Amino acid sequence: MDFARLAEGLGGETLAAEAGGRSELAPFVLRFGTGPEVHVYPELEDGACVGAVFAVLRADAGEMPRIVLRAEDALDRGGKAVGLNRELQLGDPAFDAAVYVESEAPDALVARVLAEPAARAAAVALVRGPAREVQLGEGRVTARLSAAQLAETTVAEALLASLRALATAMAVPKDMPTRGELVSRRAVGHIFVIAFAWLVTLGLAVLLRPPPVLAWGPVFGALGLGGLLWLVVLVPLGLILRGAPDSLRWFTLSAAAFLLTTPFAGMKLALWANAALDRGSEVAVRLPVQLVDRSETLVLVDVVGLEVGRTSTRLSVPMDRVLGTLPEAPGSLVLTQRPGALGWPWLVDLRP
C-alpha cells in the first residue's frame, strides 16, 4: 500500500519522519474545521506498509484504562452461554447484539463512558463496518484498517466519520480509576494457583518413574485415564477463571497448557498406583530375549513369549531394575513380575 498516496487522498498533513525513517511512510494528521483531529500511523511488516492505525486524541482520557469494543462472534456468545464470559450489557439492543465489551474498569464506569446514544451508534457502525475492533482510553480512540480496505478511500472516510463521532460522544468519568490503580487492585491469587497446579502436572509427567508394564495395552489405558484427569482439571479451571469478559480466551489457553502435561501425568500416576497398591505375589519366569540396546540408564530387550498372540514384546527396563550383570548376548533372562493392582502386570526386576 502506498501510504503517502493515502495521506494525499485524505488531505492529510504529513508529520516529520523520525531520524532514519522513510518519508513516504511518515505519519500524517487530518484536521477538520470542528471536532477532534485524527493522527494516522503506518503499520509496518518487513518494511512494507500492511495497514494503518487511525487515532483520535483525547487529552482528558490520558489516564483512562483501556476499553476494547469489538464485533461479537460465536465464541463470545458461546462463552456467555456456558457461564464463562461475563459481558456488560447496556440495555441498547443494537449495541449489545453487535458489540462485545472488554475492560478491566468497573461496569458502572464503562456504562457511563458509553452512556450517550451517539457513542453507542458510532461503535456499532465501526464494528459492523470497516473496523472489527476499536480501543478507547489511554488518551486516544483507535481503530485499524488493512491495506486492502485502504485501497478504497470511501472505507477510510466512513471509518473517520464514525471514529470522530465516537471520540466526541464518549464520556470520561472523573472518578474513573487509572490503569495503574486497576492493576494494583487486580486479584492474582488464582494465577499462582493455576501456575502451581500446572507445574505439579509437569513435574509428575517428567520426573515420575513408574515401573515398566509388560504390554502396551496398559500404557494406552493409563493414557486414557490421564485424558480423563485432564477433563476433571477443566472443571475447577473454569470455575476459577469464569466471570471476566475474556474468560473463554484464558480458559482455552490454560486448557491447552494442561493438555500438554496432564494426560502424561495421569498416565504415570496410574502406572505408579498399579505397582504401589499391588498386593499380588511375585512370579519369576525365564524367557528367551534379545538384547537390542543398552545405556547407563536403560536396557532395551525383545522378550519372546511374554504376550499371547505376539512373537516378541519390547521392554525398556531402567538399570535400577536390572539385577546382576547382563551378558552381551544373554539368550534368556529371568523376569520377575507382579499382577498389578489395576490388572496390569508389571516388571519387578530383570536378571541373568
Protein backbone atom coordinates (compact mmCIF):
# COMPACT_ATOMS: atom_id res chain seq x y z
CA MET A 1 0.00 0.00 0.00
CA ASP A 2 1.25 3.50 -0.87
CA PHE A 3 0.95 5.29 2.48
CA ALA A 4 1.93 8.66 1.01
CA ARG A 5 -0.86 8.37 -1.55
CA LEU A 6 -3.31 7.63 1.27
CA ALA A 7 -2.25 10.82 3.03
CA GLU A 8 -2.72 12.77 -0.17
CA GLY A 9 -6.12 11.23 -0.88
CA LEU A 10 -7.43 12.06 2.59
CA GLY A 11 -5.93 15.55 2.63
CA GLY A 12 -3.53 14.78 5.46
CA GLU A 13 -0.70 16.92 6.73
CA THR A 14 2.45 14.81 6.90
CA LEU A 15 4.27 14.82 10.20
CA ALA A 16 8.06 14.87 10.35
CA ALA A 17 9.59 11.44 9.75
CA GLU A 18 11.76 10.04 12.52
CA ALA A 19 15.51 10.10 12.02
CA GLY A 20 16.41 7.45 9.50
CA GLY A 21 12.75 6.84 8.60
CA ARG A 22 11.28 6.84 5.12
CA SER A 23 9.39 10.00 4.23
CA GLU A 24 6.73 8.10 2.25
CA LEU A 25 5.86 6.20 5.47
CA ALA A 26 5.70 9.26 7.73
CA PRO A 27 2.55 9.55 9.88
CA PHE A 28 0.11 12.28 8.98
CA VAL A 29 -2.65 14.24 10.69
CA LEU A 30 -6.13 15.03 9.44
CA ARG A 31 -7.52 18.36 10.61
CA PHE A 32 -11.16 19.34 10.39
CA GLY A 33 -12.94 22.64 10.77
CA THR A 34 -14.58 21.45 14.00
CA GLY A 35 -14.13 18.43 16.19
CA PRO A 36 -11.03 16.42 17.00
CA GLU A 37 -8.16 15.80 14.63
CA VAL A 38 -7.03 12.31 13.62
CA HIS A 39 -3.47 11.01 13.55
CA VAL A 40 -2.74 8.19 11.10
CA TYR A 41 0.22 5.84 11.53
CA PRO A 42 1.53 3.20 9.12
CA GLU A 43 1.54 -0.42 10.27
CA LEU A 44 4.75 -2.00 9.02
CA GLU A 45 5.71 -5.60 8.39
CA ASP A 46 9.15 -6.40 6.96
CA GLY A 47 9.46 -2.79 5.92
CA ALA A 48 6.21 -2.78 3.97
CA CYS A 49 3.03 -0.97 4.94
CA VAL A 50 0.28 -3.55 5.58
CA GLY A 51 -2.28 -1.27 7.17
CA ALA A 52 -2.88 1.96 9.04
CA VAL A 53 -3.89 2.88 12.58
CA PHE A 54 -6.24 5.85 12.99
CA ALA A 55 -6.09 7.58 16.38
CA VAL A 56 -8.27 10.38 17.70
CA LEU A 57 -6.52 12.05 20.64
CA ARG A 58 -8.48 12.78 23.83
CA ALA A 59 -6.25 14.60 26.30
CA ASP A 60 -8.74 14.16 29.14
CA ALA A 61 -8.66 10.37 28.67
CA GLY A 62 -4.93 10.03 29.25
CA GLU A 63 -5.37 8.08 32.50
CA MET A 64 -8.49 6.19 31.46
CA PRO A 65 -7.97 2.40 31.32
CA ARG A 66 -8.38 0.67 28.01
CA ILE A 67 -11.85 -0.33 26.83
CA VAL A 68 -11.97 -2.65 23.82
CA LEU A 69 -15.07 -2.71 21.63
CA ARG A 70 -15.12 -5.45 19.00
CA ALA A 71 -17.57 -7.38 16.89
CA GLU A 72 -19.29 -10.06 18.95
CA ASP A 73 -18.80 -13.52 17.45
CA ALA A 74 -20.00 -17.07 18.09
CA LEU A 75 -17.20 -17.77 20.60
CA ASP A 76 -18.24 -14.75 22.66
CA ARG A 77 -21.85 -15.86 22.66
CA GLY A 78 -20.80 -19.42 23.49
CA GLY A 79 -18.65 -18.23 26.40
CA LYS A 80 -21.61 -16.33 27.82
CA ALA A 81 -23.97 -19.25 27.24
CA VAL A 82 -21.84 -21.68 29.30
CA GLY A 83 -21.29 -19.13 32.06
CA LEU A 84 -17.59 -18.45 31.48
CA ASN A 85 -17.69 -14.97 29.98
CA ARG A 86 -19.41 -12.06 31.68
CA GLU A 87 -20.06 -9.05 29.49
CA LEU A 88 -21.51 -5.67 30.31
CA GLN A 89 -24.98 -5.13 28.83
CA LEU A 90 -26.06 -1.53 28.32
CA GLY A 91 -29.73 -2.14 27.58
CA ASP A 92 -29.33 -0.96 23.98
CA PRO A 93 -30.41 -3.98 21.84
CA ALA A 94 -28.49 -2.91 18.73
CA PHE A 95 -25.29 -2.23 20.68
CA ASP A 96 -25.50 -5.30 22.95
CA ALA A 97 -26.06 -7.63 19.98
CA ALA A 98 -23.27 -6.20 17.82
CA VAL A 99 -20.54 -5.04 20.18
CA TYR A 100 -18.56 -7.09 22.68
CA VAL A 101 -17.05 -5.03 25.52
CA GLU A 102 -13.76 -5.94 27.21
CA SER A 103 -12.32 -3.80 30.01
CA GLU A 104 -10.77 -4.03 33.46
CA ALA A 105 -12.72 -0.95 34.51
CA PRO A 106 -15.86 -1.39 36.65
CA ASP A 107 -19.02 -1.99 34.64
CA ALA A 108 -20.75 1.09 36.01
CA LEU A 109 -17.95 3.36 34.80
CA VAL A 110 -17.77 1.72 31.36
CA ALA A 111 -21.52 2.24 31.07
CA ARG A 112 -21.03 5.93 31.81
CA VAL A 113 -18.35 6.19 29.11
CA LEU A 114 -20.85 4.86 26.54
CA ALA A 115 -23.96 6.46 28.02
CA GLU A 116 -24.63 8.70 25.01
CA PRO A 117 -26.67 7.02 22.23
CA ALA A 118 -24.41 8.73 19.68
CA ALA A 119 -21.35 6.97 21.14
CA ARG A 120 -23.03 3.57 21.02
CA ALA A 121 -24.32 4.15 17.48
CA ALA A 122 -20.82 5.11 16.31
CA ALA A 123 -19.36 1.99 17.94
CA VAL A 124 -21.93 -0.22 16.19
CA ALA A 125 -21.16 1.45 12.86
CA LEU A 126 -17.44 0.79 13.34
CA VAL A 127 -17.53 -2.88 14.35
CA ARG A 128 -20.20 -3.73 11.79
CA GLY A 129 -18.40 -1.74 9.13
CA PRO A 130 -14.74 -1.02 8.42
CA ALA A 131 -13.17 -1.78 11.82
CA ARG A 132 -13.64 -5.05 13.68
CA GLU A 133 -12.14 -3.58 16.86
CA VAL A 134 -11.95 -0.15 18.49
CA GLN A 135 -9.94 0.79 21.58
CA LEU A 136 -10.84 3.64 23.93
CA GLY A 137 -8.72 5.11 26.68
CA GLU A 138 -5.06 5.82 27.38
CA GLY A 139 -5.50 9.21 25.76
CA ARG A 140 -6.97 8.14 22.43
CA VAL A 141 -9.60 6.30 20.44
CA THR A 142 -8.02 4.00 17.85
CA ALA A 143 -9.02 1.66 15.04
CA ARG A 144 -7.14 -0.17 12.30
CA LEU A 145 -7.70 -0.69 8.61
CA SER A 146 -5.88 -3.24 6.47
CA ALA A 147 -4.10 -2.40 3.22
CA ALA A 148 -6.93 -3.99 1.23
CA GLN A 149 -9.50 -1.79 2.96
CA LEU A 150 -7.42 1.32 2.38
CA ALA A 151 -7.44 0.70 -1.36
CA GLU A 152 -10.87 2.34 -1.35
CA THR A 153 -10.90 5.87 0.03
CA THR A 154 -14.59 5.61 0.92
CA VAL A 155 -13.81 2.92 3.53
CA ALA A 156 -11.32 5.18 5.29
CA GLU A 157 -13.74 8.11 5.11
CA ALA A 158 -16.51 6.02 6.71
CA LEU A 159 -14.17 4.97 9.50
CA LEU A 160 -13.05 8.55 10.10
CA ALA A 161 -16.63 9.80 10.45
CA SER A 162 -17.63 7.11 12.96
CA LEU A 163 -14.34 7.25 14.86
CA ARG A 164 -14.56 11.01 15.36
CA ALA A 165 -18.22 10.70 16.37
CA LEU A 166 -17.33 8.09 18.99
CA ALA A 167 -14.42 10.13 20.35
CA THR A 168 -16.64 13.21 20.62
CA ALA A 169 -19.65 11.50 22.20
CA MET A 170 -17.89 9.25 24.70
CA ALA A 171 -17.66 10.49 28.28
CA VAL A 172 -14.64 10.38 30.60
CA PRO A 173 -15.87 9.99 34.20
CA LYS A 174 -13.84 11.98 36.69
CA ASP A 175 -13.77 9.07 39.12
CA MET A 176 -12.57 6.56 36.52
CA PRO A 177 -9.60 4.66 38.06
CA THR A 178 -6.33 4.72 36.16
CA ARG A 179 -4.92 1.58 34.62
CA GLY A 180 -2.23 1.53 37.29
CA GLU A 181 -4.85 1.63 40.03
CA LEU A 182 -6.74 -1.23 38.41
CA VAL A 183 -3.55 -3.29 38.18
CA SER A 184 -2.88 -2.73 41.88
CA ARG A 185 -6.40 -3.93 42.73
CA ARG A 186 -6.31 -6.93 40.40
CA ALA A 187 -6.62 -10.31 42.11
CA VAL A 188 -3.68 -12.52 41.15
CA GLY A 189 -4.03 -15.40 43.59
CA HIS A 190 -5.81 -17.60 41.05
CA ILE A 191 -2.93 -17.11 38.61
CA PHE A 192 -0.46 -18.55 41.14
CA VAL A 193 -2.83 -21.44 41.88
CA ILE A 194 -3.12 -22.33 38.18
CA ALA A 195 0.62 -21.96 37.62
CA PHE A 196 1.40 -24.15 40.65
CA ALA A 197 -1.06 -26.83 39.52
CA TRP A 198 0.46 -26.83 36.03
CA LEU A 199 3.98 -27.13 37.44
CA VAL A 200 2.83 -30.09 39.56
CA THR A 201 1.47 -31.87 36.49
CA LEU A 202 4.64 -31.03 34.58
CA GLY A 203 6.77 -32.44 37.40
CA LEU A 204 4.74 -35.64 37.51
CA ALA A 205 4.87 -36.02 33.74
CA VAL A 206 8.64 -35.55 33.61
CA LEU A 207 10.01 -36.83 36.91
CA LEU A 208 7.73 -39.70 37.98
CA ARG A 209 9.25 -43.06 37.01
CA PRO A 210 6.74 -45.90 37.48
CA PRO A 211 7.98 -49.46 36.90
CA PRO A 212 7.51 -50.75 33.35
CA VAL A 213 4.42 -52.76 32.49
CA LEU A 214 4.70 -55.90 30.38
CA ALA A 215 2.45 -54.82 27.48
CA TRP A 216 1.48 -51.72 25.55
CA GLY A 217 -2.22 -52.06 26.28
CA PRO A 218 -1.91 -50.83 29.89
CA VAL A 219 0.11 -47.83 28.72
CA PHE A 220 -2.69 -46.72 26.41
CA GLY A 221 -5.25 -47.48 29.13
CA ALA A 222 -3.29 -45.33 31.60
CA LEU A 223 -3.05 -42.57 29.00
CA GLY A 224 -6.83 -42.69 28.68
CA LEU A 225 -7.09 -42.21 32.45
CA GLY A 226 -4.75 -39.25 32.07
CA GLY A 227 -7.14 -37.80 29.49
CA LEU A 228 -9.98 -38.18 31.98
CA LEU A 229 -7.84 -36.40 34.57
CA TRP A 230 -7.46 -33.51 32.11
CA LEU A 231 -11.23 -33.31 31.75
CA VAL A 232 -11.54 -33.27 35.55
CA VAL A 233 -8.99 -30.43 35.76
CA LEU A 234 -11.09 -28.35 33.35
CA VAL A 235 -13.93 -28.10 35.89
CA PRO A 236 -12.04 -26.16 38.62
CA LEU A 237 -10.19 -24.27 35.90
CA GLY A 238 -13.47 -22.98 34.52
CA LEU A 239 -14.74 -22.12 38.00
CA ILE A 240 -11.56 -20.15 38.78
CA LEU A 241 -11.44 -18.22 35.51
CA ARG A 242 -15.12 -17.51 34.93
CA GLY A 243 -16.60 -14.06 35.40
CA ALA A 244 -14.45 -11.87 33.13
CA PRO A 245 -15.15 -10.68 29.56
CA ASP A 246 -12.13 -12.65 28.29
CA SER A 247 -12.61 -15.77 30.45
CA LEU A 248 -13.13 -18.10 27.49
CA ARG A 249 -9.86 -16.97 25.93
CA TRP A 250 -7.87 -17.61 29.10
CA PHE A 251 -9.71 -20.86 29.74
CA THR A 252 -8.77 -22.07 26.25
CA LEU A 253 -5.10 -21.13 26.70
CA SER A 254 -4.94 -22.72 30.16
CA ALA A 255 -6.72 -25.87 28.96
CA ALA A 256 -4.21 -26.18 26.11
CA ALA A 257 -1.31 -25.81 28.55
CA PHE A 258 -2.73 -28.53 30.82
CA LEU A 259 -3.33 -30.75 27.78
CA LEU A 260 0.44 -30.84 27.27
CA THR A 261 1.09 -32.23 30.75
CA THR A 262 -1.99 -33.67 32.46
CA PRO A 263 -2.60 -36.77 30.28
CA PHE A 264 1.02 -37.88 30.74
CA ALA A 265 0.99 -37.04 34.45
CA GLY A 266 -2.21 -39.07 34.82
CA MET A 267 -0.73 -41.95 32.86
CA LYS A 268 2.33 -42.12 35.08
CA LEU A 269 0.24 -41.78 38.24
CA ALA A 270 -1.96 -44.68 37.11
CA LEU A 271 1.05 -46.87 36.34
CA TRP A 272 2.64 -45.91 39.65
CA ALA A 273 -0.56 -46.70 41.58
CA ASN A 274 -0.84 -50.01 39.73
CA ALA A 275 2.51 -51.03 41.22
CA ALA A 276 2.37 -49.24 44.59
CA LEU A 277 -1.03 -50.69 45.54
CA ASP A 278 -0.31 -54.18 44.22
CA ARG A 279 -0.78 -56.92 46.82
CA GLY A 280 -0.23 -59.82 44.44
CA SER A 281 2.65 -62.28 44.69
CA GLU A 282 5.79 -62.21 42.57
CA VAL A 283 6.25 -64.67 39.74
CA ALA A 284 9.66 -65.29 38.17
CA VAL A 285 9.88 -66.82 34.70
CA ARG A 286 12.80 -67.35 32.34
CA LEU A 287 12.07 -66.32 28.76
CA PRO A 288 14.12 -66.02 25.58
CA VAL A 289 15.31 -62.46 24.98
CA GLN A 290 17.34 -60.48 22.51
CA LEU A 291 19.35 -57.52 23.76
CA VAL A 292 18.58 -54.59 21.47
CA ASP A 293 20.45 -51.74 23.16
CA ARG A 294 21.81 -50.64 26.48
CA SER A 295 22.93 -47.38 28.06
CA GLU A 296 23.90 -46.18 31.51
CA THR A 297 20.24 -45.76 32.43
CA LEU A 298 18.20 -48.18 30.28
CA VAL A 299 18.28 -51.66 28.80
CA LEU A 300 16.16 -52.34 25.71
CA VAL A 301 15.22 -56.01 25.19
CA ASP A 302 12.84 -58.01 22.98
CA VAL A 303 11.18 -60.73 25.07
CA VAL A 304 9.75 -63.78 23.27
CA GLY A 305 6.50 -65.34 24.53
CA LEU A 306 5.62 -62.62 27.03
CA GLU A 307 2.27 -61.73 25.44
CA VAL A 308 -0.21 -64.16 23.95
CA GLY A 309 -0.56 -63.68 20.22
CA ARG A 310 2.67 -61.72 19.84
CA THR A 311 6.03 -63.11 18.81
CA SER A 312 8.01 -60.68 20.96
CA THR A 313 7.47 -57.71 23.25
CA ARG A 314 9.95 -54.85 23.52
CA LEU A 315 10.64 -53.70 27.07
CA SER A 316 12.55 -50.61 28.16
CA VAL A 317 13.96 -51.54 31.58
CA PRO A 318 15.59 -48.95 33.87
CA MET A 319 19.02 -50.03 35.12
CA ASP A 320 17.83 -49.91 38.73
CA ARG A 321 15.59 -52.89 37.92
CA VAL A 322 18.39 -54.94 36.40
CA LEU A 323 19.98 -57.28 38.94
CA GLY A 324 23.44 -58.61 38.25
CA THR A 325 25.48 -58.16 35.09
CA LEU A 326 23.84 -58.90 31.79
CA PRO A 327 25.97 -60.71 29.22
CA GLU A 328 26.41 -59.29 25.73
CA ALA A 329 24.13 -61.97 24.23
CA PRO A 330 22.05 -63.31 27.12
CA GLY A 331 19.83 -65.72 25.15
CA SER A 332 17.33 -65.80 28.03
CA LEU A 333 16.70 -63.80 31.18
CA VAL A 334 14.59 -64.14 34.31
CA LEU A 335 11.69 -61.67 34.52
CA THR A 336 10.13 -61.18 37.94
CA GLN A 337 6.63 -59.76 37.64
CA ARG A 338 3.57 -58.99 39.71
CA PRO A 339 -0.09 -58.83 38.56
CA GLY A 340 -0.72 -55.12 39.35
CA ALA A 341 -3.47 -53.52 41.42
CA LEU A 342 -5.29 -52.45 38.22
CA GLY A 343 -4.69 -55.78 36.50
CA TRP A 344 -1.66 -54.55 34.56
CA PRO A 345 1.28 -56.97 35.07
CA TRP A 346 4.47 -55.03 35.75
CA LEU A 347 8.17 -55.82 35.90
CA VAL A 348 9.78 -56.10 39.32
CA ASP A 349 13.30 -56.87 38.07
CA LEU A 350 15.29 -58.44 35.29
CA ARG A 351 18.25 -60.77 35.96
CA PRO A 352 20.53 -63.24 34.16
